[in-house]
PDB file of all heavy atoms in Angstrom:
ATOM      1  N   ALA A   1      -3.711  -3.668   4.832  1.00  0.00           N
ATOM      2  CA  ALA A   1      -2.582  -2.666   4.736  1.00  0.00           C
ATOM      3  C   ALA A   1      -2.448  -2.287   3.269  1.00  0.00           C
ATOM      4  O   ALA A   1      -2.280  -1.101   2.971  1.00  0.00           O
ATOM      5  CB  ALA A   1      -1.337  -3.284   5.311  1.00  0.00           C
ATOM      6  N   HIS A   2      -2.493  -3.309   2.390  1.00  0.00           N
ATOM      7  CA  HIS A   2      -2.343  -2.960   0.968  1.00  0.00           C
ATOM      8  C   HIS A   2      -3.508  -2.151   0.488  1.00  0.00           C
ATOM      9  O   HIS A   2      -3.264  -1.141  -0.289  1.00  0.00           O
ATOM     10  CB  HIS A   2      -2.298  -4.307   0.134  1.00  0.00           C
ATOM     11  CG  HIS A   2      -1.872  -4.158  -1.275  1.00  0.00           C
ATOM     12  ND1 HIS A   2      -2.730  -3.689  -2.300  1.00  0.00           N
ATOM     13  CD2 HIS A   2      -0.698  -4.424  -1.921  1.00  0.00           C
ATOM     14  CE1 HIS A   2      -2.104  -3.617  -3.404  1.00  0.00           C
ATOM     15  NE2 HIS A   2      -0.836  -4.031  -3.224  1.00  0.00           N
ATOM     16  N   GLU A   3      -4.692  -2.382   0.824  1.00  0.00           N
ATOM     17  CA  GLU A   3      -5.906  -1.623   0.436  1.00  0.00           C
ATOM     18  C   GLU A   3      -5.796  -0.135   0.980  1.00  0.00           C
ATOM     19  O   GLU A   3      -6.085   0.798   0.295  1.00  0.00           O
ATOM     20  CB  GLU A   3      -7.124  -2.247   0.859  1.00  0.00           C
ATOM     21  CG  GLU A   3      -7.438  -3.545   0.154  1.00  0.00           C
ATOM     22  CD  GLU A   3      -8.557  -4.329   0.796  1.00  0.00           C
ATOM     23  OE1 GLU A   3      -8.829  -4.190   1.975  1.00  0.00           O
ATOM     24  OE2 GLU A   3      -9.154  -5.213   0.104  1.00  0.00           O
ATOM     25  N   ASN A   4      -5.306  -0.003   2.229  1.00  0.00           N
ATOM     26  CA  ASN A   4      -5.184   1.309   2.773  1.00  0.00           C
ATOM     27  C   ASN A   4      -4.154   2.135   1.988  1.00  0.00           C
ATOM     28  O   ASN A   4      -4.367   3.337   1.708  1.00  0.00           O
ATOM     29  CB  ASN A   4      -4.718   1.255   4.250  1.00  0.00           C
ATOM     30  CG  ASN A   4      -5.846   1.219   5.240  1.00  0.00           C
ATOM     31  OD1 ASN A   4      -6.466   2.262   5.438  1.00  0.00           O
ATOM     32  ND2 ASN A   4      -6.163   0.101   5.805  1.00  0.00           N
ATOM     33  N   LEU A   5      -3.009   1.539   1.627  1.00  0.00           N
ATOM     34  CA  LEU A   5      -2.017   2.247   0.887  1.00  0.00           C
ATOM     35  C   LEU A   5      -2.418   2.529  -0.520  1.00  0.00           C
ATOM     36  O   LEU A   5      -2.118   3.622  -1.023  1.00  0.00           O
ATOM     37  CB  LEU A   5      -0.734   1.389   0.896  1.00  0.00           C
ATOM     38  CG  LEU A   5       0.015   1.291   2.214  1.00  0.00           C
ATOM     39  CD1 LEU A   5       1.213   0.314   2.150  1.00  0.00           C
ATOM     40  CD2 LEU A   5       0.457   2.636   2.736  1.00  0.00           C
ATOM     41  N   ALA A   6      -3.234   1.674  -1.127  1.00  0.00           N
ATOM     42  CA  ALA A   6      -3.689   1.942  -2.553  1.00  0.00           C
ATOM     43  C   ALA A   6      -4.654   3.113  -2.458  1.00  0.00           C
ATOM     44  O   ALA A   6      -4.639   3.984  -3.358  1.00  0.00           O
ATOM     45  CB  ALA A   6      -4.328   0.708  -3.040  1.00  0.00           C
ATOM     46  N   LEU A   7      -5.499   3.190  -1.474  1.00  0.00           N
ATOM     47  CA  LEU A   7      -6.424   4.337  -1.355  1.00  0.00           C
ATOM     48  C   LEU A   7      -5.662   5.564  -1.056  1.00  0.00           C
ATOM     49  O   LEU A   7      -5.939   6.599  -1.680  1.00  0.00           O
ATOM     50  CB  LEU A   7      -7.386   4.028  -0.177  1.00  0.00           C
ATOM     51  CG  LEU A   7      -8.459   5.129   0.150  1.00  0.00           C
ATOM     52  CD1 LEU A   7      -9.287   5.413  -1.146  1.00  0.00           C
ATOM     53  CD2 LEU A   7      -9.250   4.680   1.308  1.00  0.00           C
ATOM     54  N   ALA A   8      -4.631   5.545  -0.135  1.00  0.00           N
ATOM     55  CA  ALA A   8      -3.894   6.711   0.130  1.00  0.00           C
ATOM     56  C   ALA A   8      -3.142   7.219  -1.113  1.00  0.00           C
ATOM     57  O   ALA A   8      -3.027   8.437  -1.380  1.00  0.00           O
ATOM     58  CB  ALA A   8      -2.886   6.481   1.237  1.00  0.00           C
ATOM     59  N   ALA A   9      -2.598   6.313  -1.937  1.00  0.00           N
ATOM     60  CA  ALA A   9      -1.910   6.643  -3.150  1.00  0.00           C
ATOM     61  C   ALA A   9      -2.823   7.422  -4.094  1.00  0.00           C
ATOM     62  O   ALA A   9      -2.489   8.425  -4.688  1.00  0.00           O
ATOM     63  CB  ALA A   9      -1.310   5.434  -3.835  1.00  0.00           C
ATOM     64  N   ARG A  10      -4.001   6.905  -4.245  1.00  0.00           N
ATOM     65  CA  ARG A  10      -5.017   7.561  -5.183  1.00  0.00           C
ATOM     66  C   ARG A  10      -5.372   8.960  -4.654  1.00  0.00           C
ATOM     67  O   ARG A  10      -5.461   9.870  -5.386  1.00  0.00           O
ATOM     68  CB  ARG A  10      -6.219   6.676  -5.291  1.00  0.00           C
ATOM     69  CG  ARG A  10      -6.014   5.451  -6.062  1.00  0.00           C
ATOM     70  CD  ARG A  10      -7.318   4.658  -6.355  1.00  0.00           C
ATOM     71  NE  ARG A  10      -7.078   3.468  -7.182  1.00  0.00           N
ATOM     72  CZ  ARG A  10      -6.965   2.291  -6.571  1.00  0.00           C
ATOM     73  NH1 ARG A  10      -6.966   2.110  -5.281  1.00  0.00           N
ATOM     74  NH2 ARG A  10      -6.652   1.227  -7.454  1.00  0.00           N
ATOM     75  N   LEU A  11      -5.574   9.068  -3.333  1.00  0.00           N
ATOM     76  CA  LEU A  11      -5.962  10.332  -2.727  1.00  0.00           C
ATOM     77  C   LEU A  11      -4.791  11.371  -2.882  1.00  0.00           C
ATOM     78  O   LEU A  11      -5.011  12.574  -3.022  1.00  0.00           O
ATOM     79  CB  LEU A  11      -6.312  10.224  -1.260  1.00  0.00           C
ATOM     80  CG  LEU A  11      -7.542   9.508  -0.934  1.00  0.00           C
ATOM     81  CD1 LEU A  11      -7.698   9.243   0.532  1.00  0.00           C
ATOM     82  CD2 LEU A  11      -8.785  10.287  -1.453  1.00  0.00           C
ATOM     83  N   ASN A  12      -3.545  10.898  -2.935  1.00  0.00           N
ATOM     84  CA  ASN A  12      -2.360  11.777  -3.082  1.00  0.00           C
ATOM     85  C   ASN A  12      -1.982  11.910  -4.550  1.00  0.00           C
ATOM     86  O   ASN A  12      -0.878  12.456  -4.853  1.00  0.00           O
ATOM     87  CB  ASN A  12      -1.184  11.246  -2.333  1.00  0.00           C
ATOM     88  CG  ASN A  12      -1.351  11.392  -0.806  1.00  0.00           C
ATOM     89  OD1 ASN A  12      -1.870  12.479  -0.415  1.00  0.00           O
ATOM     90  ND2 ASN A  12      -1.032  10.407  -0.005  1.00  0.00           N
ATOM     91  N   GLY A  13      -2.843  11.556  -5.455  1.00  0.00           N
ATOM     92  CA  GLY A  13      -2.602  11.955  -6.823  1.00  0.00           C
ATOM     93  C   GLY A  13      -1.679  11.036  -7.666  1.00  0.00           C
ATOM     94  O   GLY A  13      -1.194  11.408  -8.752  1.00  0.00           O
ATOM     95  N   VAL A  14      -1.319   9.831  -7.077  1.00  0.00           N
ATOM     96  CA  VAL A  14      -0.452   8.934  -7.853  1.00  0.00           C
ATOM     97  C   VAL A  14      -1.256   8.448  -9.116  1.00  0.00           C
ATOM     98  O   VAL A  14      -2.395   8.179  -9.073  1.00  0.00           O
ATOM     99  CB  VAL A  14      -0.130   7.690  -6.933  1.00  0.00           C
ATOM    100  CG1 VAL A  14       0.696   6.670  -7.753  1.00  0.00           C
ATOM    101  CG2 VAL A  14       0.728   8.157  -5.748  1.00  0.00           C
ATOM    102  N   ASP A  15      -0.531   8.425 -10.200  1.00  0.00           N
ATOM    103  CA  ASP A  15      -1.103   7.943 -11.443  1.00  0.00           C
ATOM    104  C   ASP A  15      -1.680   6.556 -11.228  1.00  0.00           C
ATOM    105  O   ASP A  15      -1.001   5.673 -10.697  1.00  0.00           O
ATOM    106  CB  ASP A  15       0.003   7.875 -12.475  1.00  0.00           C
ATOM    107  CG  ASP A  15      -0.493   7.483 -13.870  1.00  0.00           C
ATOM    108  OD1 ASP A  15      -1.456   6.761 -14.001  1.00  0.00           O
ATOM    109  OD2 ASP A  15       0.159   7.937 -14.923  1.00  0.00           O
ATOM    110  N   PRO A  16      -2.957   6.368 -11.560  1.00  0.00           N
ATOM    111  CA  PRO A  16      -3.583   5.075 -11.333  1.00  0.00           C
ATOM    112  C   PRO A  16      -2.743   3.833 -11.891  1.00  0.00           C
ATOM    113  O   PRO A  16      -2.775   2.720 -11.312  1.00  0.00           O
ATOM    114  CB  PRO A  16      -4.911   5.125 -12.080  1.00  0.00           C
ATOM    115  CG  PRO A  16      -5.229   6.595 -12.050  1.00  0.00           C
ATOM    116  CD  PRO A  16      -3.921   7.300 -12.157  1.00  0.00           C
ATOM    117  N   ALA A  17      -2.054   4.055 -13.019  1.00  0.00           N
ATOM    118  CA  ALA A  17      -1.208   2.997 -13.565  1.00  0.00           C
ATOM    119  C   ALA A  17      -0.084   2.669 -12.768  1.00  0.00           C
ATOM    120  O   ALA A  17       0.599   1.641 -12.917  1.00  0.00           O
ATOM    121  CB  ALA A  17      -0.774   3.340 -14.978  1.00  0.00           C
ATOM    122  N   GLN A  18       0.359   3.606 -11.819  1.00  0.00           N
ATOM    123  CA  GLN A  18       1.579   3.422 -11.011  1.00  0.00           C
ATOM    124  C   GLN A  18       1.225   3.168  -9.479  1.00  0.00           C
ATOM    125  O   GLN A  18       2.163   2.934  -8.723  1.00  0.00           O
ATOM    126  CB  GLN A  18       2.457   4.675 -11.101  1.00  0.00           C
ATOM    127  CG  GLN A  18       2.938   5.008 -12.501  1.00  0.00           C
ATOM    128  CD  GLN A  18       3.663   6.245 -12.588  1.00  0.00           C
ATOM    129  OE1 GLN A  18       3.848   6.969 -11.602  1.00  0.00           O
ATOM    130  NE2 GLN A  18       4.149   6.577 -13.787  1.00  0.00           N
ATOM    131  N   VAL A  19      -0.024   3.094  -9.175  1.00  0.00           N
ATOM    132  CA  VAL A  19      -0.420   2.840  -7.809  1.00  0.00           C
ATOM    133  C   VAL A  19       0.127   1.533  -7.229  1.00  0.00           C
ATOM    134  O   VAL A  19       0.739   1.458  -6.119  1.00  0.00           O
ATOM    135  CB  VAL A  19      -1.982   2.820  -7.586  1.00  0.00           C
ATOM    136  CG1 VAL A  19      -2.364   2.337  -6.210  1.00  0.00           C
ATOM    137  CG2 VAL A  19      -2.443   4.346  -7.703  1.00  0.00           C
ATOM    138  N   ALA A  20      -0.074   0.461  -7.989  1.00  0.00           N
ATOM    139  CA  ALA A  20       0.406  -0.846  -7.527  1.00  0.00           C
ATOM    140  C   ALA A  20       1.869  -0.878  -7.275  1.00  0.00           C
ATOM    141  O   ALA A  20       2.346  -1.410  -6.189  1.00  0.00           O
ATOM    142  CB  ALA A  20      -0.006  -1.916  -8.511  1.00  0.00           C
ATOM    143  N   ASP A  21       2.648  -0.271  -8.153  1.00  0.00           N
ATOM    144  CA  ASP A  21       4.162  -0.250  -7.934  1.00  0.00           C
ATOM    145  C   ASP A  21       4.517   0.606  -6.732  1.00  0.00           C
ATOM    146  O   ASP A  21       5.394   0.227  -5.953  1.00  0.00           O
ATOM    147  CB  ASP A  21       4.813   0.309  -9.202  1.00  0.00           C
ATOM    148  CG  ASP A  21       4.753  -0.633 -10.353  1.00  0.00           C
ATOM    149  OD1 ASP A  21       4.559  -1.824 -10.177  1.00  0.00           O
ATOM    150  OD2 ASP A  21       5.026  -0.193 -11.532  1.00  0.00           O
ATOM    151  N   ALA A  22       3.808   1.733  -6.532  1.00  0.00           N
ATOM    152  CA  ALA A  22       4.120   2.588  -5.423  1.00  0.00           C
ATOM    153  C   ALA A  22       3.839   1.949  -4.113  1.00  0.00           C
ATOM    154  O   ALA A  22       4.588   1.929  -3.169  1.00  0.00           O
ATOM    155  CB  ALA A  22       3.316   3.938  -5.514  1.00  0.00           C
ATOM    156  N   VAL A  23       2.721   1.200  -4.109  1.00  0.00           N
ATOM    157  CA  VAL A  23       2.297   0.466  -2.809  1.00  0.00           C
ATOM    158  C   VAL A  23       3.313  -0.659  -2.614  1.00  0.00           C
ATOM    159  O   VAL A  23       3.818  -0.757  -1.422  1.00  0.00           O
ATOM    160  CB  VAL A  23       0.876  -0.102  -2.976  1.00  0.00           C
ATOM    161  CG1 VAL A  23       0.581  -1.056  -1.818  1.00  0.00           C
ATOM    162  CG2 VAL A  23      -0.085   1.039  -3.012  1.00  0.00           C
ATOM    163  N   ASP A  24       3.594  -1.438  -3.575  1.00  0.00           N
ATOM    164  CA  ASP A  24       4.511  -2.591  -3.337  1.00  0.00           C
ATOM    165  C   ASP A  24       5.896  -2.091  -2.967  1.00  0.00           C
ATOM    166  O   ASP A  24       6.535  -2.749  -2.062  1.00  0.00           O
ATOM    167  CB  ASP A  24       4.601  -3.415  -4.667  1.00  0.00           C
ATOM    168  CG  ASP A  24       3.350  -4.127  -4.951  1.00  0.00           C
ATOM    169  OD1 ASP A  24       2.484  -4.288  -4.056  1.00  0.00           O
ATOM    170  OD2 ASP A  24       3.150  -4.616  -6.151  1.00  0.00           O
ATOM    171  N   SER A  25       6.362  -1.037  -3.498  1.00  0.00           N
ATOM    172  CA  SER A  25       7.730  -0.522  -3.157  1.00  0.00           C
ATOM    173  C   SER A  25       7.758  -0.032  -1.743  1.00  0.00           C
ATOM    174  O   SER A  25       8.706  -0.389  -1.057  1.00  0.00           O
ATOM    175  CB  SER A  25       8.041   0.651  -4.104  1.00  0.00           C
ATOM    176  OG  SER A  25       9.251   1.214  -3.741  1.00  0.00           O
ATOM    177  N   THR A  26       6.754   0.677  -1.305  1.00  0.00           N
ATOM    178  CA  THR A  26       6.739   1.209   0.132  1.00  0.00           C
ATOM    179  C   THR A  26       6.554   0.051   1.078  1.00  0.00           C
ATOM    180  O   THR A  26       7.070   0.070   2.158  1.00  0.00           O
ATOM    181  CB  THR A  26       5.758   2.287   0.344  1.00  0.00           C
ATOM    182  OG1 THR A  26       5.870   3.233  -0.777  1.00  0.00           O
ATOM    183  CG2 THR A  26       6.013   3.031   1.582  1.00  0.00           C
ATOM    184  N   ILE A  27       5.743  -0.931   0.723  1.00  0.00           N
ATOM    185  CA  ILE A  27       5.542  -2.076   1.658  1.00  0.00           C
ATOM    186  C   ILE A  27       6.864  -2.806   1.834  1.00  0.00           C
ATOM    187  O   ILE A  27       7.259  -3.148   2.977  1.00  0.00           O
ATOM    188  CB  ILE A  27       4.492  -3.062   1.011  1.00  0.00           C
ATOM    189  CG1 ILE A  27       3.091  -2.573   1.273  1.00  0.00           C
ATOM    190  CG2 ILE A  27       4.632  -4.441   1.588  1.00  0.00           C
ATOM    191  CD1 ILE A  27       2.002  -3.365   0.668  1.00  0.00           C
ATOM    192  N   THR A  28       7.683  -2.900   0.830  1.00  0.00           N
ATOM    193  CA  THR A  28       8.995  -3.442   0.930  1.00  0.00           C
ATOM    194  C   THR A  28       9.946  -2.585   1.722  1.00  0.00           C
ATOM    195  O   THR A  28      10.640  -3.085   2.592  1.00  0.00           O
ATOM    196  CB  THR A  28       9.625  -3.758  -0.465  1.00  0.00           C
ATOM    197  OG1 THR A  28       8.805  -4.661  -1.146  1.00  0.00           O
ATOM    198  CG2 THR A  28      10.994  -4.333  -0.367  1.00  0.00           C
ATOM    199  N   ASP A  29       9.891  -1.259   1.483  1.00  0.00           N
ATOM    200  CA  ASP A  29      10.750  -0.304   2.194  1.00  0.00           C
ATOM    201  C   ASP A  29      10.585  -0.410   3.682  1.00  0.00           C
ATOM    202  O   ASP A  29      11.504  -0.239   4.479  1.00  0.00           O
ATOM    203  CB  ASP A  29      10.477   1.102   1.750  1.00  0.00           C
ATOM    204  CG  ASP A  29      10.991   1.386   0.382  1.00  0.00           C
ATOM    205  OD1 ASP A  29      11.954   0.683  -0.088  1.00  0.00           O
ATOM    206  OD2 ASP A  29      10.495   2.369  -0.328  1.00  0.00           O
ATOM    207  N   LEU A  30       9.377  -0.574   4.161  1.00  0.00           N
ATOM    208  CA  LEU A  30       9.067  -0.574   5.562  1.00  0.00           C
ATOM    209  C   LEU A  30       8.698  -2.018   6.119  1.00  0.00           C
ATOM    210  O   LEU A  30       8.158  -2.128   7.216  1.00  0.00           O
ATOM    211  CB  LEU A  30       7.943   0.363   5.907  1.00  0.00           C
ATOM    212  CG  LEU A  30       8.408   1.835   5.771  1.00  0.00           C
ATOM    213  CD1 LEU A  30       7.156   2.772   5.886  1.00  0.00           C
ATOM    214  CD2 LEU A  30       9.353   2.192   6.823  1.00  0.00           C
ATOM    215  N   ALA A  31       9.144  -2.967   5.319  1.00  0.00           N
ATOM    216  CA  ALA A  31       9.032  -4.475   5.721  1.00  0.00           C
ATOM    217  C   ALA A  31       7.631  -4.801   6.213  1.00  0.00           C
ATOM    218  O   ALA A  31       7.421  -5.450   7.203  1.00  0.00           O
ATOM    219  CB  ALA A  31      10.084  -4.731   6.826  1.00  0.00           C
ATOM    220  N   LEU A  32       6.655  -4.428   5.420  1.00  0.00           N
ATOM    221  CA  LEU A  32       5.203  -4.724   5.682  1.00  0.00           C
ATOM    222  C   LEU A  32       4.709  -5.921   4.794  1.00  0.00           C
ATOM    223  O   LEU A  32       3.546  -6.249   4.847  1.00  0.00           O
ATOM    224  CB  LEU A  32       4.364  -3.552   5.487  1.00  0.00           C
ATOM    225  CG  LEU A  32       4.412  -2.463   6.595  1.00  0.00           C
ATOM    226  CD1 LEU A  32       3.767  -1.199   6.051  1.00  0.00           C
ATOM    227  CD2 LEU A  32       3.738  -2.980   7.865  1.00  0.00           C
ATOM    228  N   ASP A  33       5.649  -6.577   4.146  1.00  0.00           N
ATOM    229  CA  ASP A  33       5.233  -7.602   3.174  1.00  0.00           C
ATOM    230  C   ASP A  33       4.282  -8.698   3.755  1.00  0.00           C
ATOM    231  O   ASP A  33       3.294  -9.045   3.244  1.00  0.00           O
ATOM    232  CB  ASP A  33       6.463  -8.240   2.565  1.00  0.00           C
ATOM    233  CG  ASP A  33       7.475  -7.288   2.005  1.00  0.00           C
ATOM    234  OD1 ASP A  33       8.104  -6.576   2.852  1.00  0.00           O
ATOM    235  OD2 ASP A  33       7.614  -7.276   0.748  1.00  0.00           O
ATOM    236  N   ARG A  34       4.692  -9.197   4.967  1.00  0.00           N
ATOM    237  CA  ARG A  34       3.875 -10.254   5.575  1.00  0.00           C
ATOM    238  C   ARG A  34       2.549  -9.826   6.108  1.00  0.00           C
ATOM    239  O   ARG A  34       1.652 -10.584   6.415  1.00  0.00           O
ATOM    240  CB  ARG A  34       4.684 -10.954   6.654  1.00  0.00           C
ATOM    241  CG  ARG A  34       5.007 -10.055   7.863  1.00  0.00           C
ATOM    242  CD  ARG A  34       5.874 -10.719   8.852  1.00  0.00           C
ATOM    243  NE  ARG A  34       5.191 -11.825   9.525  1.00  0.00           N
ATOM    244  CZ  ARG A  34       5.665 -12.423  10.639  1.00  0.00           C
ATOM    245  NH1 ARG A  34       6.812 -12.147  11.101  1.00  0.00           N
ATOM    246  NH2 ARG A  34       4.889 -13.414  11.172  1.00  0.00           N
ATOM    247  N   TYR A  35       2.339  -8.480   6.179  1.00  0.00           N
ATOM    248  CA  TYR A  35       1.110  -7.926   6.659  1.00  0.00           C
ATOM    249  C   TYR A  35       0.267  -7.275   5.589  1.00  0.00           C
ATOM    250  O   TYR A  35      -0.752  -6.673   5.896  1.00  0.00           O
ATOM    251  CB  TYR A  35       1.424  -6.911   7.775  1.00  0.00           C
ATOM    252  CG  TYR A  35       2.281  -7.477   8.882  1.00  0.00           C
ATOM    253  CD1 TYR A  35       3.606  -7.110   9.044  1.00  0.00           C
ATOM    254  CD2 TYR A  35       1.794  -8.392   9.791  1.00  0.00           C
ATOM    255  CE1 TYR A  35       4.405  -7.593   9.984  1.00  0.00           C
ATOM    256  CE2 TYR A  35       2.557  -8.919  10.807  1.00  0.00           C
ATOM    257  CZ  TYR A  35       3.876  -8.512  10.890  1.00  0.00           C
ATOM    258  OH  TYR A  35       4.701  -9.017  11.894  1.00  0.00           O
ATOM    259  N   ALA A  36       0.709  -7.318   4.333  1.00  0.00           N
ATOM    260  CA  ALA A  36       0.070  -6.624   3.252  1.00  0.00           C
ATOM    261  C   ALA A  36      -1.459  -6.988   3.151  1.00  0.00           C
ATOM    262  O   ALA A  36      -2.329  -6.102   2.877  1.00  0.00           O
ATOM    263  CB  ALA A  36       0.707  -6.884   1.958  1.00  0.00           C
ATOM    264  N   ARG A  37      -1.770  -8.230   3.390  1.00  0.00           N
ATOM    265  CA  ARG A  37      -3.173  -8.633   3.247  1.00  0.00           C
ATOM    266  C   ARG A  37      -3.901  -8.815   4.645  1.00  0.00           C
ATOM    267  O   ARG A  37      -4.989  -9.404   4.649  1.00  0.00           O
ATOM    268  CB  ARG A  37      -3.223 -10.013   2.495  1.00  0.00           C
ATOM    269  CG  ARG A  37      -2.484  -9.966   1.130  1.00  0.00           C
ATOM    270  CD  ARG A  37      -3.101  -8.993   0.228  1.00  0.00           C
ATOM    271  NE  ARG A  37      -2.321  -8.906  -1.013  1.00  0.00           N
ATOM    272  CZ  ARG A  37      -2.557  -8.011  -1.969  1.00  0.00           C
ATOM    273  NH1 ARG A  37      -3.603  -7.175  -1.906  1.00  0.00           N
ATOM    274  NH2 ARG A  37      -1.874  -7.912  -3.050  1.00  0.00           N
ATOM    275  N   VAL A  38      -3.308  -8.300   5.700  1.00  0.00           N
ATOM    276  CA  VAL A  38      -3.922  -8.223   6.946  1.00  0.00           C
ATOM    277  C   VAL A  38      -4.711  -6.983   7.234  1.00  0.00           C
ATOM    278  O   VAL A  38      -4.194  -5.874   6.893  1.00  0.00           O
ATOM    279  CB  VAL A  38      -2.803  -8.413   8.006  1.00  0.00           C
ATOM    280  CG1 VAL A  38      -3.385  -8.364   9.441  1.00  0.00           C
ATOM    281  CG2 VAL A  38      -2.040  -9.752   7.819  1.00  0.00           C
ATOM    282  N   ALA A  39      -5.914  -7.130   7.754  1.00  0.00           N
ATOM    283  CA  ALA A  39      -6.706  -5.932   8.073  1.00  0.00           C
ATOM    284  C   ALA A  39      -5.951  -5.037   9.077  1.00  0.00           C
ATOM    285  O   ALA A  39      -5.350  -5.602  10.041  1.00  0.00           O
ATOM    286  CB  ALA A  39      -8.036  -6.363   8.659  1.00  0.00           C
ATOM    287  N   ALA A  40      -6.094  -3.745   8.916  1.00  0.00           N
ATOM    288  CA  ALA A  40      -5.342  -2.817   9.794  1.00  0.00           C
ATOM    289  C   ALA A  40      -5.729  -2.971  11.264  1.00  0.00           C
ATOM    290  O   ALA A  40      -4.858  -2.795  12.129  1.00  0.00           O
ATOM    291  CB  ALA A  40      -5.670  -1.408   9.366  1.00  0.00           C
ATOM    292  N   ARG A  41      -6.993  -3.355  11.514  1.00  0.00           N
ATOM    293  CA  ARG A  41      -7.373  -3.498  12.956  1.00  0.00           C
ATOM    294  C   ARG A  41      -6.616  -4.629  13.656  1.00  0.00           C
ATOM    295  O   ARG A  41      -6.515  -4.709  14.904  1.00  0.00           O
ATOM    296  CB  ARG A  41      -8.893  -3.774  12.997  1.00  0.00           C
ATOM    297  CG  ARG A  41      -9.358  -5.045  12.332  1.00  0.00           C
ATOM    298  CD  ARG A  41     -10.876  -5.194  12.439  1.00  0.00           C
ATOM    299  NE  ARG A  41     -11.401  -6.244  11.541  1.00  0.00           N
ATOM    300  CZ  ARG A  41     -11.269  -7.584  11.699  1.00  0.00           C
ATOM    301  NH1 ARG A  41     -10.674  -7.983  12.931  1.00  0.00           N
ATOM    302  NH2 ARG A  41     -11.725  -8.398  10.904  1.00  0.00           N
ATOM    303  N   ARG A  42      -6.004  -5.566  12.871  1.00  0.00           N
ATOM    304  CA  ARG A  42      -5.282  -6.758  13.508  1.00  0.00           C
ATOM    305  C   ARG A  42      -3.793  -6.428  13.523  1.00  0.00           C
ATOM    306  O   ARG A  42      -3.085  -7.256  14.090  1.00  0.00           O
ATOM    307  CB  ARG A  42      -5.550  -7.950  12.568  1.00  0.00           C
ATOM    308  CG  ARG A  42      -6.970  -8.447  12.574  1.00  0.00           C
ATOM    309  CD  ARG A  42      -7.161  -9.628  11.669  1.00  0.00           C
ATOM    310  NE  ARG A  42      -6.205 -10.747  12.028  1.00  0.00           N
ATOM    311  CZ  ARG A  42      -5.867 -11.739  11.225  1.00  0.00           C
ATOM    312  NH1 ARG A  42      -6.409 -11.819  10.022  1.00  0.00           N
ATOM    313  NH2 ARG A  42      -5.052 -12.667  11.593  1.00  0.00           N
ATOM    314  N   LEU A  43      -3.384  -5.333  13.073  1.00  0.00           N
ATOM    315  CA  LEU A  43      -1.970  -4.967  13.084  1.00  0.00           C
ATOM    316  C   LEU A  43      -1.520  -4.585  14.546  1.00  0.00           C
ATOM    317  O   LEU A  43      -2.353  -3.922  15.262  1.00  0.00           O
ATOM    318  CB  LEU A  43      -1.571  -3.832  12.147  1.00  0.00           C
ATOM    319  CG  LEU A  43      -1.756  -4.165  10.693  1.00  0.00           C
ATOM    320  CD1 LEU A  43      -1.434  -2.916   9.796  1.00  0.00           C
ATOM    321  CD2 LEU A  43      -0.879  -5.318  10.237  1.00  0.00           C
TER     322      LEU A  43
END
């Protein structure tokens, strides 16, 4: 999940220096914290 969001952030033009913060913030917003390191196929 984290890798998917990082890739989407880059594709959407997020500053590379801010990608990690953008991903972490949205993972928290939608309560995906416990699934951040889980492969999307297992969600």
